[in-house]
PDB file of N, CA and C in Angstrom:
ATOM      1  N   MET A   1      41.103 -33.030  56.260  1.00  0.00           N
ATOM      2  CA  MET A   1      41.508 -31.988  55.342  1.00  0.00           C
ATOM      3  C   MET A   1      40.584 -30.778  55.447  1.00  0.00           C
ATOM      4  N   ARG A   2      39.302 -31.030  55.570  1.00  0.00           N
ATOM      5  CA  ARG A   2      38.325 -29.942  55.672  1.00  0.00           C
ATOM      6  C   ARG A   2      38.575 -29.112  56.930  1.00  0.00           C
ATOM      7  N   LYS A   3      38.923 -29.791  58.026  1.00  0.00           N
ATOM      8  CA  LYS A   3      39.202 -29.087  59.277  1.00  0.00           C
ATOM      9  C   LYS A   3      40.420 -28.172  59.106  1.00  0.00           C
ATOM     10  N   THR A   4      41.426 -28.658  58.384  1.00  0.00           N
ATOM     11  CA  THR A   4      42.623 -27.851  58.139  1.00  0.00           C
ATOM     12  C   THR A   4      42.276 -26.609  57.326  1.00  0.00           C
ATOM     13  N   LYS A   5      41.455 -26.766  56.290  1.00  0.00           N
ATOM     14  CA  LYS A   5      41.050 -25.620  55.474  1.00  0.00           C
ATOM     15  C   LYS A   5      40.267 -24.611  56.299  1.00  0.00           C
ATOM     16  N   ASN A   6      39.365 -25.104  57.145  1.00  0.00           N
ATOM     17  CA  ASN A   6      38.579 -24.202  57.997  1.00  0.00           C
ATOM     18  C   ASN A   6      39.482 -23.462  58.975  1.00  0.00           C
ATOM     19  N   SER A   7      40.444 -24.176  59.560  1.00  0.00           N
ATOM     20  CA  SER A   7      41.376 -23.537  60.495  1.00  0.00           C
ATOM     21  C   SER A   7      42.185 -22.460  59.788  1.00  0.00           C
ATOM     22  N   PHE A   8      42.633 -22.767  58.573  1.00  0.00           N
ATOM     23  CA  PHE A   8      43.406 -21.793  57.806  1.00  0.00           C
ATOM     24  C   PHE A   8      42.562 -20.562  57.490  1.00  0.00           C
ATOM     25  N   LEU A   9      41.312 -20.779  57.124  1.00  0.00           N
ATOM     26  CA  LEU A   9      40.408 -19.674  56.811  1.00  0.00           C
ATOM     27  C   LEU A   9      40.203 -18.777  58.029  1.00  0.00           C
ATOM     28  N   VAL A  10      39.954 -19.376  59.184  1.00  0.00           N
ATOM     29  CA  VAL A  10      39.753 -18.605  60.418  1.00  0.00           C
ATOM     30  C   VAL A  10      41.016 -17.822  60.756  1.00  0.00           C
ATOM     31  N   PHE A  11      42.169 -18.472  60.664  1.00  0.00           N
ATOM     32  CA  PHE A  11      43.431 -17.801  60.957  1.00  0.00           C
ATOM     33  C   PHE A  11      43.650 -16.631  59.994  1.00  0.00           C
ATOM     34  N   SER A  12      43.376 -16.847  58.708  1.00  0.00           N
ATOM     35  CA  SER A  12      43.570 -15.794  57.707  1.00  0.00           C
ATOM     36  C   SER A  12      42.689 -14.585  57.989  1.00  0.00           C
ATOM     37  N   ILE A  13      41.437 -14.837  58.314  1.00  0.00           N
ATOM     38  CA  ILE A  13      40.516 -13.737  58.623  1.00  0.00           C
ATOM     39  C   ILE A  13      41.004 -12.969  59.845  1.00  0.00           C
ATOM     40  N   PHE A  14      41.421 -13.694  60.881  1.00  0.00           N
ATOM     41  CA  PHE A  14      41.935 -13.051  62.094  1.00  0.00           C
ATOM     42  C   PHE A  14      43.168 -12.214  61.766  1.00  0.00           C
ATOM     43  N   PHE A  15      44.111 -12.791  61.023  1.00  0.00           N
ATOM     44  CA  PHE A  15      45.348 -12.091  60.689  1.00  0.00           C
ATOM     45  C   PHE A  15      45.061 -10.823  59.895  1.00  0.00           C
ATOM     46  N   LEU A  16      44.224 -10.932  58.885  1.00  0.00           N
ATOM     47  CA  LEU A  16      43.919  -9.769  58.057  1.00  0.00           C
ATOM     48  C   LEU A  16      43.192  -8.687  58.839  1.00  0.00           C
ATOM     49  N   SER A  17      42.350  -9.074  59.788  1.00  0.00           N
ATOM     50  CA  SER A  17      41.667  -8.067  60.601  1.00  0.00           C
ATOM     51  C   SER A  17      42.658  -7.331  61.490  1.00  0.00           C
ATOM     52  N   GLN A  18      43.689  -8.026  61.969  1.00  0.00           N
ATOM     53  CA  GLN A  18      44.702  -7.388  62.803  1.00  0.00           C
ATOM     54  C   GLN A  18      45.555  -6.429  61.979  1.00  0.00           C
ATOM     55  N   VAL A  19      45.859  -6.789  60.745  1.00  0.00           N
ATOM     56  CA  VAL A  19      46.630  -5.902  59.872  1.00  0.00           C
ATOM     57  C   VAL A  19      45.851  -4.618  59.643  1.00  0.00           C
ATOM     58  N   HIS A  20      44.561  -4.725  59.376  1.00  0.00           N
ATOM     59  CA  HIS A  20      43.726  -3.542  59.170  1.00  0.00           C
ATOM     60  C   HIS A  20      43.669  -2.710  60.449  1.00  0.00           C
ATOM     61  N   LEU A  21      43.564  -3.354  61.600  1.00  0.00           N
ATOM     62  CA  LEU A  21      43.530  -2.646  62.877  1.00  0.00           C
ATOM     63  C   LEU A  21      44.806  -1.847  63.078  1.00  0.00           C
ATOM     64  N   ALA A  22      45.945  -2.438  62.776  1.00  0.00           N
ATOM     65  CA  ALA A  22      47.216  -1.743  62.945  1.00  0.00           C
ATOM     66  C   ALA A  22      47.289  -0.510  62.051  1.00  0.00           C
ATOM     67  N   ASP A  23      46.732  -0.594  60.845  1.00  0.00           N
ATOM     68  CA  ASP A  23      46.739   0.554  59.939  1.00  0.00           C
ATOM     69  C   ASP A  23      45.863   1.687  60.451  1.00  0.00           C
ATOM     70  N   SER A  24      44.858   1.375  61.273  1.00  0.00           N
ATOM     71  CA  SER A  24      43.919   2.397  61.718  1.00  0.00           C
ATOM     72  C   SER A  24      44.275   2.994  63.080  1.00  0.00           C
ATOM     73  N   LEU A  25      45.342   2.511  63.719  1.00  0.00           N
ATOM     74  CA  LEU A  25      45.733   3.047  65.020  1.00  0.00           C
ATOM     75  C   LEU A  25      46.283   4.460  64.856  1.00  0.00           C
ATOM     76  N   PRO A  26      46.088   5.314  65.871  1.00  0.00           N
ATOM     77  CA  PRO A  26      46.612   6.676  65.767  1.00  0.00           C
ATOM     78  C   PRO A  26      48.138   6.687  65.757  1.00  0.00           C
ATOM     79  N   VAL A  27      48.700   7.679  65.084  1.00  0.00           N
ATOM     80  CA  VAL A  27      50.151   7.830  65.025  1.00  0.00           C
ATOM     81  C   VAL A  27      50.559   8.814  66.105  1.00  0.00           C
ATOM     82  N   HIS A  28      51.518   8.436  66.918  1.00  0.00           N
ATOM     83  CA  HIS A  28      51.987   9.309  67.991  1.00  0.00           C
ATOM     84  C   HIS A  28      53.104  10.211  67.482  1.00  0.00           C
ATOM     85  N   GLU A  29      53.215  11.366  68.110  1.00  0.00           N
ATOM     86  CA  GLU A  29      54.197  12.356  67.677  1.00  0.00           C
ATOM     87  C   GLU A  29      55.630  11.872  67.828  1.00  0.00           C
ATOM     88  N   ASP A  30      55.890  10.967  68.775  1.00  0.00           N
ATOM     89  CA  ASP A  30      57.263  10.520  68.993  1.00  0.00           C
ATOM     90  C   ASP A  30      57.651   9.357  68.079  1.00  0.00           C
ATOM     91  N   ALA A  31      56.818   9.069  67.072  1.00  0.00           N
ATOM     92  CA  ALA A  31      57.115   7.981  66.142  1.00  0.00           C
ATOM     93  C   ALA A  31      57.804   8.531  64.895  1.00  0.00           C
ATOM     94  N   SER A  32      58.825   7.833  64.460  1.00  0.00           N
ATOM     95  CA  SER A  32      59.535   8.212  63.241  1.00  0.00           C
ATOM     96  C   SER A  32      59.054   7.340  62.087  1.00  0.00           C
ATOM     97  N   LEU A  33      58.910   7.949  60.918  1.00  0.00           N
ATOM     98  CA  LEU A  33      58.501   7.218  59.726  1.00  0.00           C
ATOM     99  C   LEU A  33      59.721   6.564  59.092  1.00  0.00           C
ATOM    100  N   ILE A  34      59.648   5.268  58.902  1.00  0.00           N
ATOM    101  CA  ILE A  34      60.686   4.530  58.190  1.00  0.00           C
ATOM    102  C   ILE A  34      60.122   4.260  56.792  1.00  0.00           C
ATOM    103  N   PRO A  35      60.745   4.806  55.758  1.00  0.00           N
ATOM    104  CA  PRO A  35      60.182   4.654  54.415  1.00  0.00           C
ATOM    105  C   PRO A  35      60.285   3.218  53.906  1.00  0.00           C
ATOM    106  N   ALA A  36      59.407   2.889  52.978  1.00  0.00           N
ATOM    107  CA  ALA A  36      59.452   1.573  52.345  1.00  0.00           C
ATOM    108  C   ALA A  36      60.769   1.426  51.598  1.00  0.00           C
ATOM    109  N   GLY A  37      61.226   0.204  51.504  1.00  0.00           N
ATOM    110  CA  GLY A  37      62.458  -0.011  50.762  1.00  0.00           C
ATOM    111  C   GLY A  37      62.914  -1.455  50.783  1.00  0.00           C
ATOM    112  N   GLU A  38      63.979  -1.686  50.043  1.00  0.00           N
ATOM    113  CA  GLU A  38      64.568  -3.011  49.907  1.00  0.00           C
ATOM    114  C   GLU A  38      65.926  -3.036  50.573  1.00  0.00           C
ATOM    115  N   PHE A  39      66.294  -4.189  51.106  1.00  0.00           N
ATOM    116  CA  PHE A  39      67.639  -4.359  51.627  1.00  0.00           C
ATOM    117  C   PHE A  39      68.047  -5.813  51.450  1.00  0.00           C
ATOM    118  N   LEU A  40      69.341  -6.064  51.534  1.00  0.00           N
ATOM    119  CA  LEU A  40      69.846  -7.429  51.442  1.00  0.00           C
ATOM    120  C   LEU A  40      69.925  -8.019  52.838  1.00  0.00           C
ATOM    121  N   MET A  41      69.433  -9.231  52.980  1.00  0.00           N
ATOM    122  CA  MET A  41      69.414  -9.910  54.277  1.00  0.00           C
ATOM    123  C   MET A  41      70.081 -11.268  54.110  1.00  0.00           C
ATOM    124  N   GLY A  42      70.830 -11.674  55.106  1.00  0.00           N
ATOM    125  CA  GLY A  42      71.469 -12.981  55.069  1.00  0.00           C
ATOM    126  C   GLY A  42      72.960 -12.873  54.829  1.00  0.00           C
ATOM    127  N   THR A  43      73.594 -14.023  54.747  1.00  0.00           N
ATOM    128  CA  THR A  43      75.033 -14.095  54.534  1.00  0.00           C
ATOM    129  C   THR A  43      75.357 -15.410  53.849  1.00  0.00           C
ATOM    130  N   GLU A  44      76.468 -15.451  53.173  1.00  0.00           N
ATOM    131  CA  GLU A  44      76.922 -16.707  52.567  1.00  0.00           C
ATOM    132  C   GLU A  44      77.848 -17.458  53.519  1.00  0.00           C
ATOM    133  N   GLU A  45      78.260 -16.805  54.605  1.00  0.00           N
ATOM    134  CA  GLU A  45      79.259 -17.387  55.493  1.00  0.00           C
ATOM    135  C   GLU A  45      78.684 -17.893  56.807  1.00  0.00           C
ATOM    136  N   GLY A  46      77.439 -17.616  57.100  1.00  0.00           N
ATOM    137  CA  GLY A  46      76.861 -17.976  58.387  1.00  0.00           C
ATOM    138  C   GLY A  46      76.291 -19.381  58.414  1.00  0.00           C
ATOM    139  N   THR A  47      75.393 -19.585  59.365  1.00  0.00           N
ATOM    140  CA  THR A  47      74.743 -20.884  59.506  1.00  0.00           C
ATOM    141  C   THR A  47      73.710 -21.072  58.405  1.00  0.00           C
ATOM    142  N   GLU A  48      73.163 -22.272  58.318  1.00  0.00           N
ATOM    143  CA  GLU A  48      72.213 -22.609  57.254  1.00  0.00           C
ATOM    144  C   GLU A  48      70.998 -21.684  57.236  1.00  0.00           C
ATOM    145  N   ILE A  49      70.514 -21.293  58.422  1.00  0.00           N
ATOM    146  CA  ILE A  49      69.316 -20.447  58.465  1.00  0.00           C
ATOM    147  C   ILE A  49      69.600 -19.003  58.054  1.00  0.00           C
ATOM    148  N   GLU A  50      70.877 -18.638  57.943  1.00  0.00           N
ATOM    149  CA  GLU A  50      71.235 -17.280  57.526  1.00  0.00           C
ATOM    150  C   GLU A  50      71.479 -17.171  56.019  1.00  0.00           C
ATOM    151  N   ARG A  51      71.477 -18.300  55.313  1.00  0.00           N
ATOM    152  CA  ARG A  51      71.773 -18.327  53.882  1.00  0.00           C
ATOM    153  C   ARG A  51      70.498 -18.518  53.082  1.00  0.00           C
ATOM    154  N   PRO A  52      70.500 -18.101  51.866  1.00  0.00           N
ATOM    155  CA  PRO A  52      71.469 -17.277  51.141  1.00  0.00           C
ATOM    156  C   PRO A  52      71.170 -15.798  51.354  1.00  0.00           C
ATOM    157  N   VAL A  53      72.025 -14.957  50.840  1.00  0.00           N
ATOM    158  CA  VAL A  53      71.732 -13.522  50.815  1.00  0.00           C
ATOM    159  C   VAL A  53      70.538 -13.335  49.880  1.00  0.00           C
ATOM    160  N   HIS A  54      69.541 -12.569  50.331  1.00  0.00           N
ATOM    161  CA  HIS A  54      68.348 -12.357  49.513  1.00  0.00           C
ATOM    162  C   HIS A  54      67.781 -10.966  49.775  1.00  0.00           C
ATOM    163  N   LYS A  55      67.032 -10.464  48.786  1.00  0.00           N
ATOM    164  CA  LYS A  55      66.405  -9.151  48.919  1.00  0.00           C
ATOM    165  C   LYS A  55      65.138  -9.270  49.747  1.00  0.00           C
ATOM    166  N   VAL A  56      64.924  -8.286  50.604  1.00  0.00           N
ATOM    167  CA  VAL A  56      63.708  -8.205  51.413  1.00  0.00           C
ATOM    168  C   VAL A  56      63.111  -6.822  51.186  1.00  0.00           C
ATOM    169  N   PHE A  57      61.803  -6.770  50.981  1.00  0.00           N
ATOM    170  CA  PHE A  57      61.110  -5.495  50.815  1.00  0.00           C
ATOM    171  C   PHE A  57      60.201  -5.283  52.014  1.00  0.00           C
ATOM    172  N   LEU A  58      60.285  -4.115  52.638  1.00  0.00           N
ATOM    173  CA  LEU A  58      59.408  -3.756  53.750  1.00  0.00           C
ATOM    174  C   LEU A  58      58.566  -2.553  53.358  1.00  0.00           C
ATOM    175  N   LYS A  59      57.276  -2.603  53.715  1.00  0.00           N
ATOM    176  CA  LYS A  59      56.418  -1.432  53.539  1.00  0.00           C
ATOM    177  C   LYS A  59      56.838  -0.382  54.566  1.00  0.00           C
ATOM    178  N   GLU A  60      56.452   0.857  54.329  1.00  0.00           N
ATOM    179  CA  GLU A  60      56.779   1.900  55.300  1.00  0.00           C
ATOM    180  C   GLU A  60      56.106   1.582  56.630  1.00  0.00           C
ATOM    181  N   PHE A  61      56.747   2.000  57.718  1.00  0.00           N
ATOM    182  CA  PHE A  61      56.180   1.795  59.041  1.00  0.00           C
ATOM    183  C   PHE A  61      56.671   2.886  59.968  1.00  0.00           C
ATOM    184  N   ARG A  62      56.038   2.986  61.105  1.00  0.00           N
ATOM    185  CA  ARG A  62      56.449   3.955  62.124  1.00  0.00           C
ATOM    186  C   ARG A  62      56.982   3.194  63.324  1.00  0.00           C
ATOM    187  N   ILE A  63      57.977   3.789  63.957  1.00  0.00           N
ATOM    188  CA  ILE A  63      58.569   3.179  65.140  1.00  0.00           C
ATOM    189  C   ILE A  63      58.846   4.287  66.149  1.00  0.00           C
ATOM    190  N   SER A  64      58.637   3.974  67.399  1.00  0.00           N
ATOM    191  CA  SER A  64      58.858   4.966  68.448  1.00  0.00           C
ATOM    192  C   SER A  64      60.333   5.338  68.514  1.00  0.00           C
ATOM    193  N   ARG A  65      60.591   6.602  68.775  1.00  0.00           N
ATOM    194  CA  ARG A  65      61.977   7.048  68.925  1.00  0.00           C
ATOM    195  C   ARG A  65      62.530   6.679  70.292  1.00  0.00           C
ATOM    196  N   PHE A  66      61.647   6.281  71.200  1.00  0.00           N
ATOM    197  CA  PHE A  66      62.057   5.980  72.568  1.00  0.00           C
ATOM    198  C   PHE A  66      61.685   4.549  72.936  1.00  0.00           C
ATOM    199  N   GLU A  67      62.460   3.968  73.822  1.00  0.00           N
ATOM    200  CA  GLU A  67      62.176   2.615  74.286  1.00  0.00           C
ATOM    201  C   GLU A  67      60.878   2.591  75.074  1.00  0.00           C
ATOM    202  N   VAL A  68      60.220   1.442  75.067  1.00  0.00           N
ATOM    203  CA  VAL A  68      59.015   1.225  75.862  1.00  0.00           C
ATOM    204  C   VAL A  68      59.386   0.240  76.958  1.00  0.00           C
ATOM    205  N   SER A  69      59.144   0.615  78.204  1.00  0.00           N
ATOM    206  CA  SER A  69      59.473  -0.278  79.317  1.00  0.00           C
ATOM    207  C   SER A  69      58.431  -1.389  79.414  1.00  0.00           C
ATOM    208  N   ASN A  70      58.765  -2.437  80.135  1.00  0.00           N
ATOM    209  CA  ASN A  70      57.814  -3.532  80.353  1.00  0.00           C
ATOM    210  C   ASN A  70      56.558  -3.031  81.050  1.00  0.00           C
ATOM    211  N   ILE A  71      56.718  -2.122  82.006  1.00  0.00           N
ATOM    212  CA  ILE A  71      55.563  -1.582  82.739  1.00  0.00           C
ATOM    213  C   ILE A  71      54.667  -0.787  81.790  1.00  0.00           C
ATOM    214  N   GLU A  72      55.265   0.041  80.937  1.00  0.00           N
ATOM    215  CA  GLU A  72      54.473   0.805  79.965  1.00  0.00           C
ATOM    216  C   GLU A  72      53.704  -0.131  79.033  1.00  0.00           C
ATOM    217  N   PHE A  73      54.345  -1.213  78.603  1.00  0.00           N
ATOM    218  CA  PHE A  73      53.675  -2.152  77.709  1.00  0.00           C
ATOM    219  C   PHE A  73      52.538  -2.871  78.425  1.00  0.00           C
ATOM    220  N   GLU A  74      52.750  -3.251  79.674  1.00  0.00           N
ATOM    221  CA  GLU A  74      51.679  -3.892  80.451  1.00  0.00           C
ATOM    222  C   GLU A  74      50.482  -2.954  80.592  1.00  0.00           C
ATOM    223  N   LEU A  75      50.736  -1.678  80.877  1.00  0.00           N
ATOM    224  CA  LEU A  75      49.648  -0.703  80.981  1.00  0.00           C
ATOM    225  C   LEU A  75      48.919  -0.557  79.649  1.00  0.00           C
ATOM    226  N   PHE A  76      49.671  -0.544  78.568  1.00  0.00           N
ATOM    227  CA  PHE A  76      49.058  -0.469  77.241  1.00  0.00           C
ATOM    228  C   PHE A  76      48.146  -1.670  77.006  1.00  0.00           C
ATOM    229  N   GLN A  77      48.632  -2.859  77.329  1.00  0.00           N
ATOM    230  CA  GLN A  77      47.833  -4.070  77.120  1.00  0.00           C
ATOM    231  C   GLN A  77      46.554  -4.042  77.952  1.00  0.00           C
ATOM    232  N   GLN A  78      46.645  -3.562  79.176  1.00  0.00           N
ATOM    233  CA  GLN A  78      45.466  -3.506  80.045  1.00  0.00           C
ATOM    234  C   GLN A  78      44.412  -2.558  79.482  1.00  0.00           C
ATOM    235  N   ASN A  79      44.849  -1.497  78.844  1.00  0.00           N
ATOM    236  CA  ASN A  79      43.923  -0.489  78.321  1.00  0.00           C
ATOM    237  C   ASN A  79      43.492  -0.740  76.878  1.00  0.00           C
ATOM    238  N   HIS A  80      44.030  -1.763  76.243  1.00  0.00           N
ATOM    239  CA  HIS A  80      43.720  -2.043  74.838  1.00  0.00           C
ATOM    240  C   HIS A  80      43.437  -3.525  74.637  1.00  0.00           C
ATOM    241  N   THR A  81      42.445  -4.034  75.331  1.00  0.00           N
ATOM    242  CA  THR A  81      42.105  -5.447  75.175  1.00  0.00           C
ATOM    243  C   THR A  81      41.346  -5.654  73.870  1.00  0.00           C
ATOM    244  N   ARG A  82      41.567  -6.806  73.250  1.00  0.00           N
ATOM    245  CA  ARG A  82      40.890  -7.158  72.001  1.00  0.00           C
ATOM    246  C   ARG A  82      40.245  -8.520  72.166  1.00  0.00           C
ATOM    247  N   SER A  83      39.093  -8.674  71.568  1.00  0.00           N
ATOM    248  CA  SER A  83      38.460  -9.989  71.574  1.00  0.00           C
ATOM    249  C   SER A  83      38.905 -10.746  70.334  1.00  0.00           C
ATOM    250  N   VAL A  84      39.032 -12.041  70.486  1.00  0.00           N
ATOM    251  CA  VAL A  84      39.490 -12.873  69.366  1.00  0.00           C
ATOM    252  C   VAL A  84      38.315 -13.542  68.718  1.00  0.00           C
TER     253      VAL A  84
END
């Protein structure tokens, strides 16, 4: 049990540090701001994993207006290594 708690603690610290890192990254000009808001997700008619219809709230975020190719993403990863 103690090992599980320690693993959870380490994972939580890592996750929270990544969230903070994402907030501190520069914003590029080609990114569009998506405002925070609520929407309904799910269906009553689909498979079990799609039910029930429920409200989801998302914080505001930015998303590129243009697609990123696999090559562009690989170059980004090579230039932005992180230690765990």
